[in-house]
PDB file of N, CA and C in Angstrom:
ATOM      1  N   MET A   1       0.846  -1.181   0.000  1.00  0.00           N
ATOM      2  CA  MET A   1       0.000   0.000   0.000  1.00  0.00           C
ATOM      3  C   MET A   1       0.886   1.237   0.000  1.00  0.00           C
ATOM      4  N   SER A   2       0.473   2.234  -0.722  1.00  0.00           N
ATOM      5  CA  SER A   2       1.224   3.484  -0.731  1.00  0.00           C
ATOM      6  C   SER A   2       0.873   4.303   0.510  1.00  0.00           C
ATOM      7  N   SER A   3       1.698   5.247   0.828  1.00  0.00           N
ATOM      8  CA  SER A   3       1.452   6.055   2.007  1.00  0.00           C
ATOM      9  C   SER A   3       0.412   7.129   1.705  1.00  0.00           C
ATOM     10  N   GLU A   4      -0.219   7.603   2.756  1.00  0.00           N
ATOM     11  CA  GLU A   4      -1.230   8.662   2.684  1.00  0.00           C
ATOM     12  C   GLU A   4      -0.688   9.881   3.416  1.00  0.00           C
ATOM     13  N   THR A   5      -1.115  11.046   2.977  1.00  0.00           N
ATOM     14  CA  THR A   5      -0.706  12.293   3.611  1.00  0.00           C
ATOM     15  C   THR A   5      -1.834  12.800   4.492  1.00  0.00           C
ATOM     16  N   TYR A   6      -1.474  13.210   5.709  1.00  0.00           N
ATOM     17  CA  TYR A   6      -2.404  13.789   6.673  1.00  0.00           C
ATOM     18  C   TYR A   6      -1.885  15.171   7.031  1.00  0.00           C
ATOM     19  N   VAL A   7      -2.809  16.117   7.254  1.00  0.00           N
ATOM     20  CA  VAL A   7      -2.444  17.518   7.410  1.00  0.00           C
ATOM     21  C   VAL A   7      -2.825  18.021   8.801  1.00  0.00           C
ATOM     22  N   CYS A   8      -1.883  18.693   9.461  1.00  0.00           N
ATOM     23  CA  CYS A   8      -2.136  19.291  10.774  1.00  0.00           C
ATOM     24  C   CYS A   8      -3.288  20.293  10.666  1.00  0.00           C
ATOM     25  N   PRO A   9      -4.235  20.254  11.605  1.00  0.00           N
ATOM     26  CA  PRO A   9      -5.368  21.175  11.533  1.00  0.00           C
ATOM     27  C   PRO A   9      -4.985  22.634  11.776  1.00  0.00           C
ATOM     28  N   GLU A  10      -3.864  22.876  12.416  1.00  0.00           N
ATOM     29  CA  GLU A  10      -3.456  24.249  12.736  1.00  0.00           C
ATOM     30  C   GLU A  10      -2.463  24.830  11.732  1.00  0.00           C
ATOM     31  N   CYS A  11      -1.366  24.135  11.513  1.00  0.00           N
ATOM     32  CA  CYS A  11      -0.290  24.715  10.690  1.00  0.00           C
ATOM     33  C   CYS A  11      -0.176  24.075   9.309  1.00  0.00           C
ATOM     34  N   THR A  12      -0.993  23.079   9.035  1.00  0.00           N
ATOM     35  CA  THR A  12      -1.048  22.328   7.773  1.00  0.00           C
ATOM     36  C   THR A  12       0.242  21.578   7.430  1.00  0.00           C
ATOM     37  N   THR A  13       1.080  21.306   8.425  1.00  0.00           N
ATOM     38  CA  THR A  13       2.260  20.477   8.193  1.00  0.00           C
ATOM     39  C   THR A  13       1.797  19.070   7.828  1.00  0.00           C
ATOM     40  N   PRO A  14       2.317  18.508   6.748  1.00  0.00           N
ATOM     41  CA  PRO A  14       1.912  17.154   6.351  1.00  0.00           C
ATOM     42  C   PRO A  14       2.744  16.080   7.038  1.00  0.00           C
ATOM     43  N   VAL A  15       2.115  14.925   7.268  1.00  0.00           N
ATOM     44  CA  VAL A  15       2.818  13.727   7.733  1.00  0.00           C
ATOM     45  C   VAL A  15       2.351  12.560   6.865  1.00  0.00           C
ATOM     46  N   GLU A  16       3.210  11.603   6.678  1.00  0.00           N
ATOM     47  CA  GLU A  16       2.893  10.424   5.869  1.00  0.00           C
ATOM     48  C   GLU A  16       2.652   9.230   6.792  1.00  0.00           C
ATOM     49  N   ARG A  17       1.660   8.417   6.444  1.00  0.00           N
ATOM     50  CA  ARG A  17       1.384   7.180   7.162  1.00  0.00           C
ATOM     51  C   ARG A  17       1.038   6.103   6.148  1.00  0.00           C
ATOM     52  N   ASP A  18       1.258   4.863   6.506  1.00  0.00           N
ATOM     53  CA  ASP A  18       1.033   3.747   5.597  1.00  0.00           C
ATOM     54  C   ASP A  18      -0.358   3.134   5.737  1.00  0.00           C
ATOM     55  N   TYR A  19      -1.338   3.909   6.087  1.00  0.00           N
ATOM     56  CA  TYR A  19      -2.718   3.440   6.154  1.00  0.00           C
ATOM     57  C   TYR A  19      -3.639   4.565   5.723  1.00  0.00           C
ATOM     58  N   ARG A  20      -4.882   4.200   5.419  1.00  0.00           N
ATOM     59  CA  ARG A  20      -5.836   5.178   4.873  1.00  0.00           C
ATOM     60  C   ARG A  20      -7.061   5.255   5.786  1.00  0.00           C
ATOM     61  N   VAL A  21      -7.181   6.372   6.480  1.00  0.00           N
ATOM     62  CA  VAL A  21      -8.341   6.681   7.312  1.00  0.00           C
ATOM     63  C   VAL A  21      -8.713   8.142   7.055  1.00  0.00           C
ATOM     64  N   LYS A  22      -9.871   8.574   7.567  1.00  0.00           N
ATOM     65  CA  LYS A  22     -10.307   9.956   7.347  1.00  0.00           C
ATOM     66  C   LYS A  22      -9.425  10.942   8.101  1.00  0.00           C
ATOM     67  N   TYR A  23      -9.070  10.577   9.306  1.00  0.00           N
ATOM     68  CA  TYR A  23      -8.194  11.437  10.104  1.00  0.00           C
ATOM     69  C   TYR A  23      -7.495  10.600  11.149  1.00  0.00           C
ATOM     70  N   LEU A  24      -6.449  11.159  11.707  1.00  0.00           N
ATOM     71  CA  LEU A  24      -5.772  10.524  12.827  1.00  0.00           C
ATOM     72  C   LEU A  24      -5.476  11.605  13.860  1.00  0.00           C
ATOM     73  N   VAL A  25      -5.432  11.181  15.109  1.00  0.00           N
ATOM     74  CA  VAL A  25      -5.166  12.107  16.200  1.00  0.00           C
ATOM     75  C   VAL A  25      -3.708  11.934  16.595  1.00  0.00           C
ATOM     76  N   ARG A  26      -3.006  13.059  16.589  1.00  0.00           N
ATOM     77  CA  ARG A  26      -1.579  13.027  16.954  1.00  0.00           C
ATOM     78  C   ARG A  26      -1.155  14.437  17.330  1.00  0.00           C
ATOM     79  N   THR A  27       0.051  14.545  17.853  1.00  0.00           N
ATOM     80  CA  THR A  27       0.641  15.842  18.159  1.00  0.00           C
ATOM     81  C   THR A  27       1.561  16.223  17.015  1.00  0.00           C
ATOM     82  N   CYS A  28       1.422  17.449  16.551  1.00  0.00           N
ATOM     83  CA  CYS A  28       2.222  17.935  15.436  1.00  0.00           C
ATOM     84  C   CYS A  28       3.661  18.167  15.886  1.00  0.00           C
ATOM     85  N   ASP A  29       4.592  17.643  15.124  1.00  0.00           N
ATOM     86  CA  ASP A  29       6.004  17.846  15.415  1.00  0.00           C
ATOM     87  C   ASP A  29       6.426  19.293  15.197  1.00  0.00           C
ATOM     88  N   GLU A  30       5.691  19.999  14.353  1.00  0.00           N
ATOM     89  CA  GLU A  30       6.056  21.373  13.988  1.00  0.00           C
ATOM     90  C   GLU A  30       5.504  22.404  14.976  1.00  0.00           C
ATOM     91  N   CYS A  31       4.175  22.366  15.232  1.00  0.00           N
ATOM     92  CA  CYS A  31       3.560  23.424  16.056  1.00  0.00           C
ATOM     93  C   CYS A  31       3.132  22.966  17.443  1.00  0.00           C
ATOM     94  N   GLY A  32       3.169  21.651  17.700  1.00  0.00           N
ATOM     95  CA  GLY A  32       2.831  21.135  19.021  1.00  0.00           C
ATOM     96  C   GLY A  32       1.345  20.936  19.269  1.00  0.00           C
ATOM     97  N   THR A  33       0.502  21.228  18.283  1.00  0.00           N
ATOM     98  CA  THR A  33      -0.937  21.038  18.426  1.00  0.00           C
ATOM     99  C   THR A  33      -1.267  19.560  18.462  1.00  0.00           C
ATOM    100  N   ASN A  34      -2.134  19.179  19.401  1.00  0.00           N
ATOM    101  CA  ASN A  34      -2.650  17.821  19.427  1.00  0.00           C
ATOM    102  C   ASN A  34      -4.038  17.899  18.819  1.00  0.00           C
ATOM    103  N   GLY A  35      -4.228  17.242  17.680  1.00  0.00           N
ATOM    104  CA  GLY A  35      -5.519  17.349  17.023  1.00  0.00           C
ATOM    105  C   GLY A  35      -5.725  16.308  15.958  1.00  0.00           C
ATOM    106  N   ARG A  36      -6.812  16.495  15.217  1.00  0.00           N
ATOM    107  CA  ARG A  36      -7.200  15.572  14.155  1.00  0.00           C
ATOM    108  C   ARG A  36      -6.516  15.978  12.857  1.00  0.00           C
ATOM    109  N   PHE A  37      -5.529  15.221  12.462  1.00  0.00           N
ATOM    110  CA  PHE A  37      -4.853  15.437  11.183  1.00  0.00           C
ATOM    111  C   PHE A  37      -5.746  14.841  10.112  1.00  0.00           C
ATOM    112  N   LEU A  38      -6.188  15.657   9.174  1.00  0.00           N
ATOM    113  CA  LEU A  38      -7.103  15.203   8.130  1.00  0.00           C
ATOM    114  C   LEU A  38      -6.352  14.565   6.971  1.00  0.00           C
ATOM    115  N   ASN A  39      -6.953  13.512   6.430  1.00  0.00           N
ATOM    116  CA  ASN A  39      -6.432  12.944   5.197  1.00  0.00           C
ATOM    117  C   ASN A  39      -6.448  14.068   4.166  1.00  0.00           C
ATOM    118  N   GLU A  40      -5.379  14.192   3.412  1.00  0.00           N
ATOM    119  CA  GLU A  40      -5.242  15.292   2.460  1.00  0.00           C
ATOM    120  C   GLU A  40      -6.415  15.374   1.482  1.00  0.00           C
ATOM    121  N   SER A  41      -7.007  14.248   1.138  1.00  0.00           N
ATOM    122  CA  SER A  41      -8.154  14.270   0.230  1.00  0.00           C
ATOM    123  C   SER A  41      -9.337  15.020   0.845  1.00  0.00           C
ATOM    124  N   LEU A  42      -9.452  15.003   2.175  1.00  0.00           N
ATOM    125  CA  LEU A  42     -10.539  15.722   2.838  1.00  0.00           C
ATOM    126  C   LEU A  42     -10.318  17.228   2.807  1.00  0.00           C
ATOM    127  N   THR A  43      -9.080  17.626   2.880  1.00  0.00           N
ATOM    128  CA  THR A  43      -8.814  19.068   2.822  1.00  0.00           C
ATOM    129  C   THR A  43      -9.238  19.619   1.465  1.00  0.00           C
ATOM    130  N   ASP A  44      -9.087  18.823   0.410  1.00  0.00           N
ATOM    131  CA  ASP A  44      -9.524  19.261  -0.918  1.00  0.00           C
ATOM    132  C   ASP A  44     -11.034  19.450  -0.962  1.00  0.00           C
ATOM    133  N   VAL A  45     -11.784  18.538  -0.330  1.00  0.00           N
ATOM    134  CA  VAL A  45     -13.247  18.647  -0.292  1.00  0.00           C
ATOM    135  C   VAL A  45     -13.656  19.914   0.456  1.00  0.00           C
ATOM    136  N   VAL A  46     -13.052  20.136   1.606  1.00  0.00           N
ATOM    137  CA  VAL A  46     -13.411  21.294   2.434  1.00  0.00           C
ATOM    138  C   VAL A  46     -13.025  22.600   1.748  1.00  0.00           C
ATOM    139  N   GLU A  47     -11.868  22.623   1.127  1.00  0.00           N
ATOM    140  CA  GLU A  47     -11.445  23.845   0.442  1.00  0.00           C
ATOM    141  C   GLU A  47     -12.249  24.097  -0.833  1.00  0.00           C
ATOM    142  N   GLY A  48     -12.975  23.084  -1.293  1.00  0.00           N
ATOM    143  CA  GLY A  48     -13.822  23.249  -2.464  1.00  0.00           C
ATOM    144  C   GLY A  48     -15.152  23.921  -2.171  1.00  0.00           C
ATOM    145  N   ILE A  49     -15.422  24.195  -0.904  1.00  0.00           N
ATOM    146  CA  ILE A  49     -16.670  24.880  -0.540  1.00  0.00           C
ATOM    147  C   ILE A  49     -16.588  26.322  -1.040  1.00  0.00           C
ATOM    148  N   PRO A  50     -17.604  26.771  -1.764  1.00  0.00           N
ATOM    149  CA  PRO A  50     -17.580  28.136  -2.314  1.00  0.00           C
ATOM    150  C   PRO A  50     -17.426  29.204  -1.224  1.00  0.00           C
ATOM    151  N   GLU A  51     -16.701  30.242  -1.539  1.00  0.00           N
ATOM    152  CA  GLU A  51     -16.420  31.305  -0.563  1.00  0.00           C
ATOM    153  C   GLU A  51     -17.680  31.922   0.029  1.00  0.00           C
ATOM    154  N   GLU A  52     -18.714  32.049  -0.768  1.00  0.00           N
ATOM    155  CA  GLU A  52     -19.940  32.681  -0.263  1.00  0.00           C
ATOM    156  C   GLU A  52     -20.653  31.824   0.781  1.00  0.00           C
ATOM    157  N   GLN A  53     -20.290  30.544   0.899  1.00  0.00           N
ATOM    158  CA  GLN A  53     -20.881  29.663   1.901  1.00  0.00           C
ATOM    159  C   GLN A  53     -20.001  29.516   3.140  1.00  0.00           C
ATOM    160  N   ARG A  54     -18.850  30.131   3.127  1.00  0.00           N
ATOM    161  CA  ARG A  54     -17.920  30.039   4.249  1.00  0.00           C
ATOM    162  C   ARG A  54     -18.186  31.170   5.250  1.00  0.00           C
ATOM    163  N   PRO A  55     -18.002  30.901   6.549  1.00  0.00           N
ATOM    164  CA  PRO A  55     -18.119  31.980   7.531  1.00  0.00           C
ATOM    165  C   PRO A  55     -16.934  32.942   7.408  1.00  0.00           C
ATOM    166  N   ASP A  56     -17.082  34.110   7.989  1.00  0.00           N
ATOM    167  CA  ASP A  56     -16.044  35.146   7.888  1.00  0.00           C
ATOM    168  C   ASP A  56     -14.693  34.706   8.440  1.00  0.00           C
ATOM    169  N   ASP A  57     -14.688  33.872   9.460  1.00  0.00           N
ATOM    170  CA  ASP A  57     -13.430  33.455  10.092  1.00  0.00           C
ATOM    171  C   ASP A  57     -12.865  32.158   9.510  1.00  0.00           C
ATOM    172  N   TRP A  58     -13.300  31.779   8.332  1.00  0.00           N
ATOM    173  CA  TRP A  58     -12.900  30.515   7.700  1.00  0.00           C
ATOM    174  C   TRP A  58     -11.383  30.330   7.661  1.00  0.00           C
ATOM    175  N   ALA A  59     -10.675  31.337   7.220  1.00  0.00           N
ATOM    176  CA  ALA A  59      -9.219  31.235   7.072  1.00  0.00           C
ATOM    177  C   ALA A  59      -8.514  31.034   8.415  1.00  0.00           C
ATOM    178  N   ASP A  60      -9.113  31.504   9.496  1.00  0.00           N
ATOM    179  CA  ASP A  60      -8.512  31.382  10.830  1.00  0.00           C
ATOM    180  C   ASP A  60      -8.977  30.137  11.576  1.00  0.00           C
ATOM    181  N   THR A  61      -9.890  29.385  10.996  1.00  0.00           N
ATOM    182  CA  THR A  61     -10.454  28.209  11.644  1.00  0.00           C
ATOM    183  C   THR A  61      -9.608  26.974  11.310  1.00  0.00           C
ATOM    184  N   PRO A  62      -9.254  26.167  12.321  1.00  0.00           N
ATOM    185  CA  PRO A  62      -8.488  24.947  12.047  1.00  0.00           C
ATOM    186  C   PRO A  62      -9.228  24.038  11.058  1.00  0.00           C
ATOM    187  N   LEU A  63      -8.481  23.282  10.290  1.00  0.00           N
ATOM    188  CA  LEU A  63      -9.074  22.425   9.262  1.00  0.00           C
ATOM    189  C   LEU A  63     -10.123  21.468   9.816  1.00  0.00           C
ATOM    190  N   ASP A  64      -9.862  20.858  10.968  1.00  0.00           N
ATOM    191  CA  ASP A  64     -10.829  19.902  11.506  1.00  0.00           C
ATOM    192  C   ASP A  64     -12.136  20.588  11.894  1.00  0.00           C
ATOM    193  N   GLU A  65     -12.066  21.837  12.334  1.00  0.00           N
ATOM    194  CA  GLU A  65     -13.273  22.586  12.667  1.00  0.00           C
ATOM    195  C   GLU A  65     -14.021  23.024  11.397  1.00  0.00           C
ATOM    196  N   ARG A  66     -13.296  23.243  10.312  1.00  0.00           N
ATOM    197  CA  ARG A  66     -13.947  23.544   9.027  1.00  0.00           C
ATOM    198  C   ARG A  66     -14.785  22.355   8.578  1.00  0.00           C
ATOM    199  N   VAL A  67     -14.248  21.153   8.755  1.00  0.00           N
ATOM    200  CA  VAL A  67     -15.008  19.949   8.405  1.00  0.00           C
ATOM    201  C   VAL A  67     -16.266  19.866   9.257  1.00  0.00           C
ATOM    202  N   ARG A  68     -16.121  20.058  10.558  1.00  0.00           N
ATOM    203  CA  ARG A  68     -17.281  19.995  11.458  1.00  0.00           C
ATOM    204  C   ARG A  68     -18.335  21.004  11.028  1.00  0.00           C
ATOM    205  N   TYR A  69     -17.940  22.240  10.766  1.00  0.00           N
ATOM    206  CA  TYR A  69     -18.864  23.279  10.334  1.00  0.00           C
ATOM    207  C   TYR A  69     -19.562  22.880   9.035  1.00  0.00           C
ATOM    208  N   ALA A  70     -18.788  22.419   8.068  1.00  0.00           N
ATOM    209  CA  ALA A  70     -19.350  22.059   6.764  1.00  0.00           C
ATOM    210  C   ALA A  70     -20.367  20.919   6.900  1.00  0.00           C
ATOM    211  N   LEU A  71     -20.088  19.948   7.763  1.00  0.00           N
ATOM    212  CA  LEU A  71     -21.033  18.864   7.999  1.00  0.00           C
ATOM    213  C   LEU A  71     -22.301  19.383   8.680  1.00  0.00           C
ATOM    214  N   GLU A  72     -22.146  20.189   9.714  1.00  0.00           N
ATOM    215  CA  GLU A  72     -23.297  20.720  10.447  1.00  0.00           C
ATOM    216  C   GLU A  72     -24.190  21.589   9.569  1.00  0.00           C
ATOM    217  N   GLU A  73     -23.589  22.333   8.666  1.00  0.00           N
ATOM    218  CA  GLU A  73     -24.346  23.245   7.800  1.00  0.00           C
ATOM    219  C   GLU A  73     -24.863  22.560   6.533  1.00  0.00           C
ATOM    220  N   GLY A  74     -24.531  21.281   6.354  1.00  0.00           N
ATOM    221  CA  GLY A  74     -25.003  20.550   5.183  1.00  0.00           C
ATOM    222  C   GLY A  74     -24.275  20.908   3.897  1.00  0.00           C
ATOM    223  N   LEU A  75     -23.097  21.515   4.033  1.00  0.00           N
ATOM    224  CA  LEU A  75     -22.321  21.883   2.853  1.00  0.00           C
ATOM    225  C   LEU A  75     -21.625  20.671   2.244  1.00  0.00           C
ATOM    226  N   ILE A  76     -21.364  19.680   3.086  1.00  0.00           N
ATOM    227  CA  ILE A  76     -20.810  18.395   2.664  1.00  0.00           C
ATOM    228  C   ILE A  76     -21.502  17.327   3.501  1.00  0.00           C
ATOM    229  N   ASP A  77     -21.375  16.080   3.095  1.00  0.00           N
ATOM    230  CA  ASP A  77     -21.857  14.998   3.945  1.00  0.00           C
ATOM    231  C   ASP A  77     -20.769  13.931   4.039  1.00  0.00           C
ATOM    232  N   TRP A  78     -21.018  12.923   4.878  1.00  0.00           N
ATOM    233  CA  TRP A  78     -19.978  11.926   5.128  1.00  0.00           C
ATOM    234  C   TRP A  78     -19.539  11.229   3.852  1.00  0.00           C
ATOM    235  N   ALA A  79     -20.433  11.064   2.885  1.00  0.00           N
ATOM    236  CA  ALA A  79     -20.069  10.414   1.623  1.00  0.00           C
ATOM    237  C   ALA A  79     -18.983  11.216   0.892  1.00  0.00           C
ATOM    238  N   ASP A  80     -18.989  12.536   1.072  1.00  0.00           N
ATOM    239  CA  ASP A  80     -17.975  13.389   0.447  1.00  0.00           C
ATOM    240  C   ASP A  80     -16.605  13.183   1.068  1.00  0.00           C
ATOM    241  N   LEU A  81     -16.574  12.604   2.249  1.00  0.00           N
ATOM    242  CA  LEU A  81     -15.342  12.522   3.020  1.00  0.00           C
ATOM    243  C   LEU A  81     -14.667  11.159   2.975  1.00  0.00           C
ATOM    244  N   ASP A  82     -15.011  10.339   2.006  1.00  0.00           N
ATOM    245  CA  ASP A  82     -14.345   9.047   1.880  1.00  0.00           C
ATOM    246  C   ASP A  82     -12.931   9.264   1.367  1.00  0.00           C
ATOM    247  N   PRO A  83     -11.948   8.916   2.205  1.00  0.00           N
ATOM    248  CA  PRO A  83     -10.565   9.133   1.760  1.00  0.00           C
ATOM    249  C   PRO A  83     -10.166   8.184   0.652  1.00  0.00           C
TER     250      PRO A  83
END
């Protein structure tokens, strides 16, 4: 199996792992944040949300919280998040 890239929710530092899941919880080696590192394919889905549907603080919101918001608001659903 090829490796998958996961992205820190705060600083977007990537890490590689040899398994495929939607997210993994770890501490970032770069910024020290302990959080849900999203599979890189999910970041593409979330960033594909049109700007007019994003809240004003979108750019300052951690990636994992953007996913939560998008799910709660019906902008994406779990089927969109299959890594």
